[in-house]
């Protein structure tokens, strides 16, 4: 679970309203008759992917696509392709050995990384008037909506799928040319299933770079223009069996940010039997949190679950990466 405090940003455009003086609008969802701004999972993921490729110091998939036009996909050579998924057309579709099968025309990989929409917990939208150019040499007066406040989202990484590829039935994740070209780097573990030979190191690198990307997310152009602080203020993280998200019911923003300590205990007690690591709560010092002392007292608290005892650790967002990396050392 990630919580941002995004002030004065145009995060994800929804087009322009009709009228003589149009307003460029941000995306919104409606709950109980009130509209709240949000950033789509697609837009959030694109920012994360751009940041990931930058930190990896390799050309992104989009850069490779624009530079070469074809044959740019390689999830063995490029960790980004492995993690963020793709749908890439084949130059030569594979042979259809069964007439009842749908024709496979592209390599498809559902991303091991899943994101929710990034939704606002407050209905703070303002409209600012200005004169900007929608088209070159055609000045048109229009206004811009801005959103401010706390934004909440969930991110889940399926560790078991990193460096693992399926080629069976209509699920084709790697072309025959790709398999041949990476023959020295992959191992066929069963019919139609391939695993990268250094998978343990790949998982560690993926988790490390993903945390680093989260901590320093590249801004979208409009957010960058208006100096939005796109760093997480609160993280709640664990390693679990399954990918059920955390809910916004743990949070309240009526005045200062409120993190419901008792609801966190209850969540760990009810779902802790699926958690394989301690539950880590990281927050930035200095942000206004109601009853911060109660949150601090969760440090090293042990909660009884259906299968045993699970520990809660309270730390900073940046330190969670170190804790998760240490945990993975013992389980991969």
Protein backbone atom coordinates (compact mmCIF):
# COMPACT_ATOMS: atom_id res chain seq x y z
CA UNK A 1 0.00 0.00 0.00
CA UNK A 2 1.37 3.40 -1.04
CA UNK A 3 0.21 6.81 0.12
CA UNK A 4 1.29 10.03 -1.60
CA UNK A 5 0.59 13.64 -0.66
CA UNK A 6 0.30 15.30 -4.06
CA UNK A 7 -0.31 19.02 -3.92
CA UNK A 8 -1.35 21.21 -6.84
CA UNK A 9 -0.85 18.74 -9.66
CA UNK A 10 -2.42 17.95 -13.01
CA UNK A 11 -1.78 14.22 -12.74
CA UNK A 12 -3.83 12.41 -15.36
CA UNK A 13 -5.84 14.31 -17.97
CA UNK A 14 -9.37 13.34 -18.96
CA UNK A 15 -9.61 15.69 -21.94
CA UNK A 16 -11.23 19.11 -22.19
CA UNK A 17 -14.75 20.13 -21.33
CA UNK A 18 -16.97 21.61 -24.04
CA UNK A 19 -17.67 25.32 -24.16
CA UNK A 20 -16.28 28.57 -25.43
CA UNK A 21 -13.52 28.48 -22.81
CA UNK A 22 -12.73 24.80 -22.29
CA UNK A 23 -11.33 23.37 -19.04
CA UNK A 24 -8.72 20.62 -19.18
CA UNK A 25 -10.03 18.15 -16.62
CA UNK A 26 -8.38 15.57 -14.41
CA UNK A 27 -9.76 12.04 -14.19
CA UNK A 28 -12.37 11.58 -11.44
CA UNK A 29 -14.42 8.81 -9.88
CA UNK A 30 -17.68 9.21 -8.01
CA UNK A 31 -18.50 7.86 -4.56
CA UNK A 32 -21.69 8.68 -2.63
CA UNK A 33 -22.43 11.59 -4.94
CA UNK A 34 -18.99 13.20 -4.60
CA UNK A 35 -16.31 13.25 -7.29
CA UNK A 36 -12.71 12.42 -6.35
CA UNK A 37 -9.65 12.76 -8.62
CA UNK A 38 -7.53 9.74 -9.49
CA UNK A 39 -4.62 8.61 -11.63
CA UNK A 40 -5.28 5.50 -13.71
CA UNK A 41 -3.28 2.34 -13.07
CA UNK A 42 -2.01 2.59 -16.67
CA UNK A 43 -0.62 6.11 -16.15
CA UNK A 44 0.89 5.26 -12.76
CA UNK A 45 2.51 2.14 -14.18
CA UNK A 46 3.98 4.10 -17.11
CA UNK A 47 5.71 6.48 -14.66
CA UNK A 48 7.00 3.54 -12.67
CA UNK A 49 8.23 1.80 -15.83
CA UNK A 50 10.06 4.92 -17.07
CA UNK A 51 11.73 5.35 -13.67
CA UNK A 52 12.66 1.65 -13.51
CA UNK A 53 14.34 1.77 -16.95
CA UNK A 54 16.20 4.95 -15.98
CA UNK A 55 17.57 3.42 -12.77
CA UNK A 56 18.45 0.20 -14.60
CA UNK A 57 20.45 2.41 -17.01
CA UNK A 58 19.11 0.59 -20.06
CA UNK A 59 16.94 1.80 -22.93
CA UNK A 60 13.27 1.38 -22.13
CA UNK A 61 10.99 -0.77 -24.26
CA UNK A 62 9.47 2.38 -25.77
CA UNK A 63 12.91 3.78 -26.62
CA UNK A 64 13.87 0.48 -28.22
CA UNK A 65 10.60 0.35 -30.14
CA UNK A 66 11.02 3.88 -31.47
CA UNK A 67 14.67 3.30 -32.30
CA UNK A 68 14.43 0.01 -34.18
CA UNK A 69 10.78 -0.51 -34.98
CA UNK A 70 10.86 -4.30 -34.60
CA UNK A 71 12.63 -7.17 -32.82
CA UNK A 72 13.09 -5.03 -29.70
CA UNK A 73 11.45 -7.34 -27.18
CA UNK A 74 13.70 -9.49 -24.98
CA UNK A 75 12.57 -10.31 -21.41
CA UNK A 76 15.80 -12.23 -20.78
CA UNK A 77 18.13 -9.36 -21.66
CA UNK A 78 15.83 -6.63 -20.30
CA UNK A 79 14.44 -6.97 -16.78
CA UNK A 80 11.87 -4.28 -17.58
CA UNK A 81 10.20 -6.50 -20.19
CA UNK A 82 10.09 -9.39 -17.70
CA UNK A 83 8.53 -7.29 -14.93
CA UNK A 84 6.14 -4.96 -16.75
CA UNK A 85 4.79 -7.35 -19.37
CA UNK A 86 4.11 -6.85 -23.07
CA UNK A 87 2.03 -7.68 -26.08
CA UNK A 88 4.36 -7.80 -29.04
CA UNK A 89 3.50 -9.03 -32.57
CA UNK A 90 5.39 -11.96 -34.05
CA UNK A 91 7.21 -11.53 -37.34
CA UNK A 92 6.20 -15.13 -38.02
CA UNK A 93 3.31 -16.46 -35.92
CA UNK A 94 3.91 -19.96 -34.50
CA UNK A 95 2.49 -22.97 -36.31
CA UNK A 96 -1.11 -23.75 -35.39
CA UNK A 97 -1.01 -27.48 -34.60
CA UNK A 98 -4.66 -27.58 -33.51
CA UNK A 99 -7.40 -26.20 -35.78
CA UNK A 100 -9.57 -25.41 -32.72
CA UNK A 101 -6.99 -23.02 -31.28
CA UNK A 102 -7.28 -19.29 -31.75
CA UNK A 103 -4.51 -17.96 -33.92
CA UNK A 104 -1.61 -16.67 -31.83
CA UNK A 105 -0.32 -13.47 -33.44
CA UNK A 106 1.72 -11.92 -30.63
CA UNK A 107 3.87 -12.75 -27.65
CA UNK A 108 1.83 -11.82 -24.58
CA UNK A 109 3.03 -11.59 -20.99
CA UNK A 110 0.64 -10.52 -18.27
CA UNK A 111 2.86 -8.43 -16.02
CA UNK A 112 4.04 -9.93 -12.71
CA UNK A 113 3.62 -6.36 -11.44
CA UNK A 114 0.02 -5.29 -10.78
CA UNK A 115 -1.19 -1.82 -9.76
CA UNK A 116 -4.52 -0.36 -8.74
CA UNK A 117 -5.74 3.08 -9.66
CA UNK A 118 -4.16 5.81 -7.55
CA UNK A 119 -7.25 7.35 -5.95
CA UNK A 120 -7.67 10.52 -3.92
CA UNK A 121 -8.98 10.26 -0.36
CA UNK A 122 -10.19 13.86 -0.55
CA UNK A 123 -12.31 15.76 -3.09
CA UNK A 124 -9.88 18.63 -3.61
CA UNK A 125 -10.11 19.94 -7.19
CA UNK A 126 -9.57 23.58 -8.14
CA UNK A 127 -9.77 25.36 -11.48
CA UNK A 128 -7.19 27.94 -12.44
CA UNK A 129 -7.70 30.35 -15.35
CA UNK A 130 -4.92 30.91 -17.83
CA UNK A 131 -4.07 31.50 -21.48
CA UNK A 132 -2.20 28.61 -23.04
CA UNK A 133 -1.68 27.38 -26.59
CA UNK A 134 -3.61 24.26 -27.45
CA UNK A 135 -2.27 24.44 -31.01
CA UNK A 136 0.76 26.16 -32.48
CA UNK A 137 0.08 29.74 -33.58
CA UNK A 138 -3.50 29.50 -32.30
CA UNK A 139 -3.78 30.94 -28.81
CA UNK A 140 -6.96 29.75 -27.13
CA UNK A 141 -7.92 30.73 -23.59
CA UNK A 142 -8.71 27.78 -21.39
CA UNK A 143 -8.55 26.77 -17.74
CA UNK A 144 -6.87 23.85 -16.01
CA UNK A 145 -8.07 21.68 -13.14
CA UNK A 146 -5.62 20.80 -10.38
CA UNK A 147 -5.96 18.16 -7.67
CA UNK A 148 -4.44 18.19 -4.20
CA UNK A 149 -4.31 15.90 -1.20
CA UNK A 150 -3.68 12.31 -0.19
CA UNK A 151 -3.67 9.65 -2.93
CA UNK A 152 -3.86 5.94 -2.14
CA UNK A 153 -2.92 2.92 -4.23
CA UNK A 154 -1.90 -0.73 -4.08
CA UNK A 155 1.02 -2.42 -5.82
CA UNK A 156 1.67 -6.17 -5.91
CA UNK A 157 4.63 -8.07 -7.37
CA UNK A 158 4.24 -11.78 -8.15
CA UNK A 159 7.73 -12.96 -7.20
CA UNK A 160 7.11 -16.54 -8.37
CA UNK A 161 6.67 -15.38 -11.98
CA UNK A 162 9.83 -13.27 -12.31
CA UNK A 163 12.20 -15.00 -14.74
CA UNK A 164 9.62 -17.73 -15.48
CA UNK A 165 8.03 -17.99 -18.94
CA UNK A 166 5.20 -20.14 -20.34
CA UNK A 167 4.86 -21.34 -23.91
CA UNK A 168 1.83 -23.61 -23.95
CA UNK A 169 -1.57 -23.69 -25.67
CA UNK A 170 -2.49 -20.07 -26.48
CA UNK A 171 -0.13 -18.59 -23.89
CA UNK A 172 3.03 -17.77 -25.82
CA UNK A 173 5.38 -15.50 -23.89
CA UNK A 174 8.56 -16.06 -25.92
CA UNK A 175 9.03 -16.61 -29.64
CA UNK A 176 11.11 -19.49 -30.97
CA UNK A 177 13.73 -16.98 -32.16
CA UNK A 178 13.93 -15.55 -28.65
CA UNK A 179 14.32 -19.00 -27.10
CA UNK A 180 17.14 -19.84 -29.49
CA UNK A 181 18.86 -16.50 -29.00
CA UNK A 182 18.84 -16.88 -25.19
CA UNK A 183 19.57 -20.60 -25.07
CA UNK A 184 22.55 -20.15 -22.73
CA UNK A 185 20.56 -18.07 -20.21
CA UNK A 186 17.41 -20.19 -19.78
CA UNK A 187 16.57 -23.69 -18.62
CA UNK A 188 13.59 -25.75 -19.80
CA UNK A 189 12.11 -27.17 -16.58
CA UNK A 190 9.11 -28.89 -18.17
CA UNK A 191 7.24 -28.91 -21.45
CA UNK A 192 6.35 -25.34 -22.32
CA UNK A 193 7.97 -23.80 -19.20
CA UNK A 194 11.30 -21.98 -19.14
CA UNK A 195 13.22 -20.42 -16.25
CA UNK A 196 16.10 -17.97 -16.41
CA UNK A 197 19.23 -19.64 -15.05
CA UNK A 198 20.09 -16.90 -12.50
CA UNK A 199 16.52 -16.42 -11.29
CA UNK A 200 17.43 -15.79 -7.64
CA UNK A 201 19.63 -12.83 -8.54
CA UNK A 202 17.00 -11.56 -10.99
CA UNK A 203 14.33 -11.56 -8.27
CA UNK A 204 16.61 -9.65 -5.90
CA UNK A 205 17.46 -7.08 -8.56
CA UNK A 206 13.79 -6.68 -9.54
CA UNK A 207 12.66 -6.08 -5.95
CA UNK A 208 15.53 -3.66 -5.24
CA UNK A 209 14.95 -1.61 -8.40
CA UNK A 210 11.20 -1.59 -7.86
CA UNK A 211 11.61 -0.13 -4.35
CA UNK A 212 14.12 2.41 -5.67
CA UNK A 213 11.67 3.38 -8.41
CA UNK A 214 8.85 3.83 -5.92
CA UNK A 215 11.02 6.10 -3.77
CA UNK A 216 11.96 8.43 -6.65
CA UNK A 217 9.14 8.28 -9.16
CA UNK A 218 9.66 10.20 -12.41
CA UNK A 219 7.03 12.92 -12.72
CA UNK A 220 4.47 13.08 -15.50
CA UNK A 221 5.01 16.29 -17.51
CA UNK A 222 2.22 18.30 -15.90
CA UNK A 223 3.19 17.19 -12.40
CA UNK A 224 6.80 18.09 -13.08
CA UNK A 225 5.79 21.48 -14.45
CA UNK A 226 4.04 22.33 -11.19
CA UNK A 227 6.70 20.79 -8.89
CA UNK A 228 4.58 18.00 -7.42
CA UNK A 229 6.36 15.96 -4.73
CA UNK A 230 5.87 12.41 -6.07
CA UNK A 231 7.54 10.47 -3.24
CA UNK A 232 5.63 8.08 -0.94
CA UNK A 233 4.80 9.32 2.54
CA UNK A 234 3.49 5.99 3.86
CA UNK A 235 4.16 2.37 2.81
CA UNK A 236 2.54 -0.76 4.20
CA UNK A 237 4.29 -3.87 2.91
CA UNK A 238 4.56 -7.61 3.43
CA UNK A 239 5.41 -10.79 1.52
CA UNK A 240 2.30 -12.94 1.23
CA UNK A 241 0.68 -15.89 -0.45
CA UNK A 242 -1.78 -14.26 -2.82
CA UNK A 243 -2.23 -10.67 -3.94
CA UNK A 244 -5.23 -9.33 -2.00
CA UNK A 245 -4.83 -5.53 -1.70
CA UNK A 246 -4.94 -3.47 1.47
CA UNK A 247 -7.96 -1.22 1.86
CA UNK A 248 -8.28 2.52 2.33
CA UNK A 249 -10.37 1.79 5.45
CA UNK A 250 -7.04 1.84 7.33
CA UNK A 251 -6.77 5.58 6.63
CA UNK A 252 -8.65 8.80 7.29
CA UNK A 253 -7.82 12.36 6.20
CA UNK A 254 -10.52 14.50 7.82
CA UNK A 255 -7.90 16.76 9.41
CA UNK A 256 -4.41 15.31 9.68
CA UNK A 257 -3.65 11.88 8.30
CA UNK A 258 -5.01 9.19 10.62
CA UNK A 259 -3.73 5.62 10.44
CA UNK A 260 -6.08 3.33 12.33
CA UNK A 261 -3.77 1.28 14.54
CA UNK A 262 -6.46 -1.09 15.76
CA UNK A 263 -7.64 -1.84 12.23
CA UNK A 264 -4.04 -2.73 11.31
CA UNK A 265 -3.94 -5.17 14.24
CA UNK A 266 -7.27 -6.64 13.13
CA UNK A 267 -6.06 -6.98 9.53
CA UNK A 268 -2.91 -8.80 10.62
CA UNK A 269 -4.92 -11.09 12.92
CA UNK A 270 -7.41 -12.02 10.17
CA UNK A 271 -5.04 -12.24 7.18
CA UNK A 272 -1.69 -12.84 8.85
CA UNK A 273 -1.80 -16.58 8.16
CA UNK A 274 -1.17 -15.69 4.49
CA UNK A 275 1.78 -13.38 5.30
CA UNK A 276 5.23 -14.92 5.05
CA UNK A 277 7.16 -11.93 6.38
CA UNK A 278 6.54 -9.39 9.15
CA UNK A 279 4.21 -6.52 8.27
CA UNK A 280 6.23 -3.34 7.70
CA UNK A 281 4.74 0.12 8.17
CA UNK A 282 6.98 2.92 6.94
CA UNK A 283 6.20 6.61 7.18
CA UNK A 284 8.13 9.81 6.60
CA UNK A 285 8.99 11.71 9.74
CA UNK A 286 7.46 15.16 9.83
CA UNK A 287 4.17 14.38 8.11
CA UNK A 288 1.19 15.29 10.33
CA UNK A 289 -0.19 12.01 11.69
CA UNK A 290 -2.94 11.95 14.30
CA UNK A 291 -1.81 10.04 17.41
CA UNK A 292 1.62 9.24 16.01
CA UNK A 293 2.66 7.80 19.38
CA UNK A 294 0.16 4.94 19.07
CA UNK A 295 1.59 4.14 15.63
CA UNK A 296 5.13 4.08 17.04
CA UNK A 297 4.02 1.65 19.77
CA UNK A 298 3.19 -0.92 17.08
CA UNK A 299 6.95 -1.42 16.65
CA UNK A 300 7.80 -5.10 17.31
CA UNK A 301 4.23 -5.83 18.40
CA UNK A 302 3.35 -9.51 17.97
CA UNK A 303 -0.14 -10.38 16.77
CA UNK A 304 -1.73 -13.82 17.01
CA UNK A 305 -2.99 -15.16 13.67
CA UNK A 306 -4.75 -18.40 12.69
CA UNK A 307 -1.41 -20.18 12.35
CA UNK A 308 0.89 -18.50 14.85
CA UNK A 309 2.44 -15.17 15.79
CA UNK A 310 3.30 -12.39 13.32
CA UNK A 311 5.37 -9.31 14.04
CA UNK A 312 4.66 -5.71 13.03
CA UNK A 313 7.61 -3.41 12.38
CA UNK A 314 7.38 0.38 12.20
CA UNK A 315 10.12 2.11 10.22
CA UNK A 316 10.66 4.52 7.30
CA UNK A 317 9.62 3.84 3.68
CA UNK A 318 13.25 3.61 2.58
CA UNK A 319 14.21 1.12 5.28
CA UNK A 320 11.45 -1.30 4.23
CA UNK A 321 13.47 -2.17 1.12
CA UNK A 322 16.41 -3.30 3.30
CA UNK A 323 14.11 -5.38 5.51
CA UNK A 324 12.43 -7.10 2.54
CA UNK A 325 15.79 -7.77 0.87
CA UNK A 326 17.09 -9.40 4.06
CA UNK A 327 13.95 -11.52 4.27
CA UNK A 328 14.29 -12.68 0.64
CA UNK A 329 17.87 -13.82 1.28
CA UNK A 330 16.51 -16.63 3.38
CA UNK A 331 13.60 -17.80 1.26
CA UNK A 332 14.59 -17.69 -2.43
